[in-house]
Amino acid sequence: MPLGLIMGIARAMRRKRHSSLDILSSKRAPRNYYKGKNCKPTGGYVIVPEKLPNSVVYLSDLMPSLLDAATE
């Protein structure tokens, strides 16, 4: 009898833990939840330049092919 009770409680705890580890999406979350896509917000209605991503493209690898195309 006690073993069955302990097994039932363990089964319920296991089931509870499994369901609470679901991925939180906007459909399962509160109304004001916004998940995003792993990027910084750029501001509200006004874009803040400090928050924009800056990427630099190095053209040193591209220059020989551009010069060859220009001479032909």
PDB file of N, CA and C in Angstrom:
ATOM      1  N   MET A   1       0.819  -1.207   0.000  1.00  0.00           N
ATOM      2  CA  MET A   1       0.000   0.000   0.000  1.00  0.00           C
ATOM      3  C   MET A   1       0.857   1.264   0.000  1.00  0.00           C
ATOM      4  N   PRO A   2       1.826   1.420   0.938  1.00  0.00           N
ATOM      5  CA  PRO A   2       2.638   2.639   0.917  1.00  0.00           C
ATOM      6  C   PRO A   2       3.493   2.745  -0.347  1.00  0.00           C
ATOM      7  N   LEU A   3       3.910   1.589  -0.881  1.00  0.00           N
ATOM      8  CA  LEU A   3       4.731   1.631  -2.085  1.00  0.00           C
ATOM      9  C   LEU A   3       3.933   2.175  -3.271  1.00  0.00           C
ATOM     10  N   GLY A   4       2.662   1.764  -3.387  1.00  0.00           N
ATOM     11  CA  GLY A   4       1.817   2.275  -4.466  1.00  0.00           C
ATOM     12  C   GLY A   4       1.565   3.766  -4.332  1.00  0.00           C
ATOM     13  N   LEU A   5       1.403   4.242  -3.101  1.00  0.00           N
ATOM     14  CA  LEU A   5       1.191   5.665  -2.861  1.00  0.00           C
ATOM     15  C   LEU A   5       2.431   6.467  -3.245  1.00  0.00           C
ATOM     16  N   ILE A   6       3.587   5.950  -2.873  1.00  0.00           N
ATOM     17  CA  ILE A   6       4.843   6.633  -3.212  1.00  0.00           C
ATOM     18  C   ILE A   6       5.056   6.629  -4.724  1.00  0.00           C
ATOM     19  N   MET A   7       4.748   5.524  -5.375  1.00  0.00           N
ATOM     20  CA  MET A   7       4.893   5.452  -6.830  1.00  0.00           C
ATOM     21  C   MET A   7       3.953   6.426  -7.530  1.00  0.00           C
ATOM     22  N   GLY A   8       2.720   6.556  -7.016  1.00  0.00           N
ATOM     23  CA  GLY A   8       1.768   7.499  -7.602  1.00  0.00           C
ATOM     24  C   GLY A   8       2.216   8.940  -7.452  1.00  0.00           C
ATOM     25  N   ILE A   9       2.750   9.279  -6.278  1.00  0.00           N
ATOM     26  CA  ILE A   9       3.248  10.642  -6.058  1.00  0.00           C
ATOM     27  C   ILE A   9       4.456  10.911  -6.954  1.00  0.00           C
ATOM     28  N   ALA A  10       5.340   9.930  -7.075  1.00  0.00           N
ATOM     29  CA  ALA A  10       6.519  10.102  -7.931  1.00  0.00           C
ATOM     30  C   ALA A  10       6.108  10.274  -9.389  1.00  0.00           C
ATOM     31  N   ARG A  11       5.104   9.525  -9.825  1.00  0.00           N
ATOM     32  CA  ARG A  11       4.625   9.638 -11.199  1.00  0.00           C
ATOM     33  C   ARG A  11       4.013  11.014 -11.452  1.00  0.00           C
ATOM     34  N   ALA A  12       3.258  11.523 -10.475  1.00  0.00           N
ATOM     35  CA  ALA A  12       2.648  12.847 -10.610  1.00  0.00           C
ATOM     36  C   ALA A  12       3.712  13.939 -10.638  1.00  0.00           C
ATOM     37  N   MET A  13       4.734  13.801  -9.805  1.00  0.00           N
ATOM     38  CA  MET A  13       5.812  14.798  -9.795  1.00  0.00           C
ATOM     39  C   MET A  13       6.577  14.780 -11.114  1.00  0.00           C
ATOM     40  N   ARG A  14       6.807  13.586 -11.640  1.00  0.00           N
ATOM     41  CA  ARG A  14       7.515  13.474 -12.910  1.00  0.00           C
ATOM     42  C   ARG A  14       6.702  14.105 -14.033  1.00  0.00           C
ATOM     43  N   ARG A  15       5.408  13.877 -14.056  1.00  0.00           N
ATOM     44  CA  ARG A  15       4.538  14.441 -15.072  1.00  0.00           C
ATOM     45  C   ARG A  15       4.485  15.960 -14.946  1.00  0.00           C
ATOM     46  N   LYS A  16       4.410  16.463 -13.724  1.00  0.00           N
ATOM     47  CA  LYS A  16       4.339  17.903 -13.489  1.00  0.00           C
ATOM     48  C   LYS A  16       5.616  18.583 -13.967  1.00  0.00           C
ATOM     49  N   ARG A  17       6.750  18.004 -13.644  1.00  0.00           N
ATOM     50  CA  ARG A  17       8.020  18.601 -14.018  1.00  0.00           C
ATOM     51  C   ARG A  17       8.170  18.637 -15.538  1.00  0.00           C
ATOM     52  N   HIS A  18       7.718  17.599 -16.218  1.00  0.00           N
ATOM     53  CA  HIS A  18       7.845  17.534 -17.665  1.00  0.00           C
ATOM     54  C   HIS A  18       7.005  18.611 -18.341  1.00  0.00           C
ATOM     55  N   SER A  19       5.809  18.840 -17.848  1.00  0.00           N
ATOM     56  CA  SER A  19       4.948  19.820 -18.502  1.00  0.00           C
ATOM     57  C   SER A  19       5.392  21.244 -18.218  1.00  0.00           C
ATOM     58  N   SER A  20       6.086  21.470 -17.100  1.00  0.00           N
ATOM     59  CA  SER A  20       6.512  22.829 -16.787  1.00  0.00           C
ATOM     60  C   SER A  20       7.772  23.224 -17.544  1.00  0.00           C
ATOM     61  N   LEU A  21       8.430  22.278 -18.209  1.00  0.00           N
ATOM     62  CA  LEU A  21       9.644  22.597 -18.949  1.00  0.00           C
ATOM     63  C   LEU A  21       9.384  22.873 -20.423  1.00  0.00           C
ATOM     64  N   ASP A  22       8.133  23.078 -20.810  1.00  0.00           N
ATOM     65  CA  ASP A  22       7.832  23.389 -22.202  1.00  0.00           C
ATOM     66  C   ASP A  22       8.446  24.725 -22.593  1.00  0.00           C
ATOM     67  N   ILE A  23       8.666  24.907 -23.877  1.00  0.00           N
ATOM     68  CA  ILE A  23       9.215  26.161 -24.378  1.00  0.00           C
ATOM     69  C   ILE A  23       8.143  27.233 -24.260  1.00  0.00           C
ATOM     70  N   LEU A  24       8.533  28.353 -23.685  1.00  0.00           N
ATOM     71  CA  LEU A  24       7.587  29.444 -23.500  1.00  0.00           C
ATOM     72  C   LEU A  24       7.437  30.194 -24.814  1.00  0.00           C
ATOM     73  N   SER A  25       6.248  30.187 -25.357  1.00  0.00           N
ATOM     74  CA  SER A  25       5.987  30.911 -26.593  1.00  0.00           C
ATOM     75  C   SER A  25       5.015  32.039 -26.304  1.00  0.00           C
ATOM     76  N   SER A  26       4.736  32.850 -27.297  1.00  0.00           N
ATOM     77  CA  SER A  26       3.843  33.978 -27.089  1.00  0.00           C
ATOM     78  C   SER A  26       2.402  33.513 -26.882  1.00  0.00           C
ATOM     79  N   LYS A  27       2.079  32.298 -27.302  1.00  0.00           N
ATOM     80  CA  LYS A  27       0.718  31.801 -27.090  1.00  0.00           C
ATOM     81  C   LYS A  27       0.532  31.256 -25.682  1.00  0.00           C
ATOM     82  N   ARG A  28       1.598  30.776 -25.050  1.00  0.00           N
ATOM     83  CA  ARG A  28       1.503  30.209 -23.707  1.00  0.00           C
ATOM     84  C   ARG A  28       1.844  31.215 -22.619  1.00  0.00           C
ATOM     85  N   ALA A  29       2.238  32.415 -22.983  1.00  0.00           N
ATOM     86  CA  ALA A  29       2.725  33.407 -22.023  1.00  0.00           C
ATOM     87  C   ALA A  29       1.663  34.478 -21.783  1.00  0.00           C
ATOM     88  N   PRO A  30       1.914  35.387 -20.849  1.00  0.00           N
ATOM     89  CA  PRO A  30       0.988  36.501 -20.632  1.00  0.00           C
ATOM     90  C   PRO A  30       0.876  37.402 -21.859  1.00  0.00           C
ATOM     91  N   ARG A  31      -0.077  38.309 -21.814  1.00  0.00           N
ATOM     92  CA  ARG A  31      -0.352  39.160 -22.975  1.00  0.00           C
ATOM     93  C   ARG A  31       0.836  40.027 -23.388  1.00  0.00           C
ATOM     94  N   ASN A  32       1.577  40.546 -22.425  1.00  0.00           N
ATOM     95  CA  ASN A  32       2.644  41.487 -22.762  1.00  0.00           C
ATOM     96  C   ASN A  32       3.996  40.800 -22.968  1.00  0.00           C
ATOM     97  N   TYR A  33       4.021  39.498 -23.167  1.00  0.00           N
ATOM     98  CA  TYR A  33       5.272  38.762 -23.356  1.00  0.00           C
ATOM     99  C   TYR A  33       5.719  38.873 -24.802  1.00  0.00           C
ATOM    100  N   TYR A  34       6.969  39.276 -24.998  1.00  0.00           N
ATOM    101  CA  TYR A  34       7.553  39.356 -26.336  1.00  0.00           C
ATOM    102  C   TYR A  34       8.849  38.571 -26.328  1.00  0.00           C
ATOM    103  N   LYS A  35       8.929  37.521 -27.102  1.00  0.00           N
ATOM    104  CA  LYS A  35      10.080  36.634 -27.051  1.00  0.00           C
ATOM    105  C   LYS A  35      11.282  37.222 -27.776  1.00  0.00           C
ATOM    106  N   GLY A  36      11.097  37.793 -28.924  1.00  0.00           N
ATOM    107  CA  GLY A  36      12.218  38.346 -29.673  1.00  0.00           C
ATOM    108  C   GLY A  36      12.985  37.270 -30.418  1.00  0.00           C
ATOM    109  N   LYS A  37      14.035  37.675 -31.096  1.00  0.00           N
ATOM    110  CA  LYS A  37      14.843  36.745 -31.874  1.00  0.00           C
ATOM    111  C   LYS A  37      16.321  36.860 -31.506  1.00  0.00           C
ATOM    112  N   ASN A  38      16.601  36.976 -30.220  1.00  0.00           N
ATOM    113  CA  ASN A  38      17.967  37.005 -29.705  1.00  0.00           C
ATOM    114  C   ASN A  38      18.767  38.187 -30.251  1.00  0.00           C
ATOM    115  N   CYS A  39      18.158  39.348 -30.296  1.00  0.00           N
ATOM    116  CA  CYS A  39      18.862  40.543 -30.735  1.00  0.00           C
ATOM    117  C   CYS A  39      18.476  41.703 -29.829  1.00  0.00           C
ATOM    118  N   LYS A  40      19.279  42.751 -29.849  1.00  0.00           N
ATOM    119  CA  LYS A  40      19.015  43.907 -29.008  1.00  0.00           C
ATOM    120  C   LYS A  40      17.866  44.721 -29.588  1.00  0.00           C
ATOM    121  N   PRO A  41      17.024  45.301 -28.750  1.00  0.00           N
ATOM    122  CA  PRO A  41      16.013  46.216 -29.272  1.00  0.00           C
ATOM    123  C   PRO A  41      16.682  47.505 -29.725  1.00  0.00           C
ATOM    124  N   THR A  42      16.249  48.051 -30.854  1.00  0.00           N
ATOM    125  CA  THR A  42      16.865  49.261 -31.393  1.00  0.00           C
ATOM    126  C   THR A  42      16.203  50.515 -30.873  1.00  0.00           C
ATOM    127  N   GLY A  43      15.225  50.397 -30.031  1.00  0.00           N
ATOM    128  CA  GLY A  43      14.517  51.541 -29.487  1.00  0.00           C
ATOM    129  C   GLY A  43      13.033  51.379 -29.753  1.00  0.00           C
ATOM    130  N   GLY A  44      12.226  52.291 -29.258  1.00  0.00           N
ATOM    131  CA  GLY A  44      10.780  52.225 -29.458  1.00  0.00           C
ATOM    132  C   GLY A  44      10.416  52.721 -30.846  1.00  0.00           C
ATOM    133  N   TYR A  45       9.828  53.892 -30.915  1.00  0.00           N
ATOM    134  CA  TYR A  45       9.481  54.475 -32.203  1.00  0.00           C
ATOM    135  C   TYR A  45      10.657  55.246 -32.784  1.00  0.00           C
ATOM    136  N   VAL A  46      11.599  55.626 -31.952  1.00  0.00           N
ATOM    137  CA  VAL A  46      12.789  56.345 -32.401  1.00  0.00           C
ATOM    138  C   VAL A  46      13.960  55.377 -32.345  1.00  0.00           C
ATOM    139  N   ILE A  47      14.673  55.232 -33.453  1.00  0.00           N
ATOM    140  CA  ILE A  47      15.805  54.312 -33.499  1.00  0.00           C
ATOM    141  C   ILE A  47      17.009  54.990 -32.863  1.00  0.00           C
ATOM    142  N   VAL A  48      17.604  54.333 -31.893  1.00  0.00           N
ATOM    143  CA  VAL A  48      18.775  54.854 -31.193  1.00  0.00           C
ATOM    144  C   VAL A  48      20.018  54.327 -31.913  1.00  0.00           C
ATOM    145  N   PRO A  49      20.874  55.206 -32.449  1.00  0.00           N
ATOM    146  CA  PRO A  49      22.034  54.732 -33.227  1.00  0.00           C
ATOM    147  C   PRO A  49      23.011  53.881 -32.419  1.00  0.00           C
ATOM    148  N   GLU A  50      23.115  54.109 -31.110  1.00  0.00           N
ATOM    149  CA  GLU A  50      24.045  53.328 -30.300  1.00  0.00           C
ATOM    150  C   GLU A  50      23.618  51.870 -30.189  1.00  0.00           C
ATOM    151  N   LYS A  51      22.341  51.598 -30.386  1.00  0.00           N
ATOM    152  CA  LYS A  51      21.845  50.230 -30.246  1.00  0.00           C
ATOM    153  C   LYS A  51      21.855  49.452 -31.560  1.00  0.00           C
ATOM    154  N   LEU A  52      22.127  50.108 -32.675  1.00  0.00           N
ATOM    155  CA  LEU A  52      22.151  49.425 -33.961  1.00  0.00           C
ATOM    156  C   LEU A  52      23.425  48.594 -34.090  1.00  0.00           C
ATOM    157  N   PRO A  53      23.356  47.435 -34.725  1.00  0.00           N
ATOM    158  CA  PRO A  53      24.568  46.628 -34.900  1.00  0.00           C
ATOM    159  C   PRO A  53      25.486  47.251 -35.952  1.00  0.00           C
ATOM    160  N   ASN A  54      26.764  47.251 -35.677  1.00  0.00           N
ATOM    161  CA  ASN A  54      27.767  47.764 -36.613  1.00  0.00           C
ATOM    162  C   ASN A  54      28.581  46.590 -37.117  1.00  0.00           C
ATOM    163  N   SER A  55      28.615  46.416 -38.427  1.00  0.00           N
ATOM    164  CA  SER A  55      29.417  45.337 -38.995  1.00  0.00           C
ATOM    165  C   SER A  55      30.341  45.933 -40.046  1.00  0.00           C
ATOM    166  N   VAL A  56      31.578  45.489 -40.044  1.00  0.00           N
ATOM    167  CA  VAL A  56      32.596  45.991 -40.960  1.00  0.00           C
ATOM    168  C   VAL A  56      32.927  44.886 -41.947  1.00  0.00           C
ATOM    169  N   VAL A  57      32.864  45.214 -43.232  1.00  0.00           N
ATOM    170  CA  VAL A  57      33.206  44.261 -44.282  1.00  0.00           C
ATOM    171  C   VAL A  57      34.588  44.634 -44.804  1.00  0.00           C
ATOM    172  N   TYR A  58      35.519  43.706 -44.727  1.00  0.00           N
ATOM    173  CA  TYR A  58      36.871  43.949 -45.212  1.00  0.00           C
ATOM    174  C   TYR A  58      36.914  43.692 -46.713  1.00  0.00           C
ATOM    175  N   LEU A  59      37.326  44.686 -47.469  1.00  0.00           N
ATOM    176  CA  LEU A  59      37.345  44.586 -48.922  1.00  0.00           C
ATOM    177  C   LEU A  59      38.706  44.180 -49.469  1.00  0.00           C
ATOM    178  N   SER A  60      39.663  43.926 -48.600  1.00  0.00           N
ATOM    179  CA  SER A  60      41.002  43.582 -49.089  1.00  0.00           C
ATOM    180  C   SER A  60      40.994  42.257 -49.852  1.00  0.00           C
ATOM    181  N   ASP A  61      40.134  41.329 -49.483  1.00  0.00           N
ATOM    182  CA  ASP A  61      40.056  40.056 -50.205  1.00  0.00           C
ATOM    183  C   ASP A  61      39.333  40.204 -51.533  1.00  0.00           C
ATOM    184  N   LEU A  62      38.501  41.210 -51.682  1.00  0.00           N
ATOM    185  CA  LEU A  62      37.717  41.378 -52.899  1.00  0.00           C
ATOM    186  C   LEU A  62      38.421  42.240 -53.942  1.00  0.00           C
ATOM    187  N   MET A  63      39.397  43.022 -53.553  1.00  0.00           N
ATOM    188  CA  MET A  63      40.004  43.976 -54.468  1.00  0.00           C
ATOM    189  C   MET A  63      40.692  43.322 -55.672  1.00  0.00           C
ATOM    190  N   PRO A  64      41.458  42.248 -55.564  1.00  0.00           N
ATOM    191  CA  PRO A  64      42.090  41.678 -56.765  1.00  0.00           C
ATOM    192  C   PRO A  64      41.073  41.221 -57.801  1.00  0.00           C
ATOM    193  N   SER A  65      39.989  40.637 -57.389  1.00  0.00           N
ATOM    194  CA  SER A  65      38.999  40.189 -58.367  1.00  0.00           C
ATOM    195  C   SER A  65      38.303  41.374 -59.018  1.00  0.00           C
ATOM    196  N   LEU A  66      38.119  42.469 -58.283  1.00  0.00           N
ATOM    197  CA  LEU A  66      37.505  43.657 -58.873  1.00  0.00           C
ATOM    198  C   LEU A  66      38.451  44.320 -59.866  1.00  0.00           C
ATOM    199  N   LEU A  67      39.733  44.327 -59.555  1.00  0.00           N
ATOM    200  CA  LEU A  67      40.698  44.929 -60.471  1.00  0.00           C
ATOM    201  C   LEU A  67      40.831  44.106 -61.745  1.00  0.00           C
ATOM    202  N   ASP A  68      40.770  42.783 -61.649  1.00  0.00           N
ATOM    203  CA  ASP A  68      40.845  41.933 -62.837  1.00  0.00           C
ATOM    204  C   ASP A  68      39.638  42.151 -63.734  1.00  0.00           C
ATOM    205  N   ALA A  69      38.476  42.330 -63.157  1.00  0.00           N
ATOM    206  CA  ALA A  69      37.268  42.546 -63.949  1.00  0.00           C
ATOM    207  C   ALA A  69      37.290  43.915 -64.614  1.00  0.00           C
ATOM    208  N   ALA A  70      37.907  44.900 -63.982  1.00  0.00           N
ATOM    209  CA  ALA A  70      37.947  46.250 -64.544  1.00  0.00           C
ATOM    210  C   ALA A  70      38.926  46.339 -65.707  1.00  0.00           C
ATOM    211  N   THR A  71      39.983  45.555 -65.700  1.00  0.00           N
ATOM    212  CA  THR A  71      40.979  45.628 -66.775  1.00  0.00           C
ATOM    213  C   THR A  71      40.537  44.881 -68.021  1.00  0.00           C
ATOM    214  N   GLU A  72      39.595  43.985 -67.918  1.00  0.00           N
ATOM    215  CA  GLU A  72      39.162  43.211 -69.095  1.00  0.00           C
ATOM    216  C   GLU A  72      38.245  43.960 -69.988  1.00  0.00           C
TER     217      GLU A  72
END
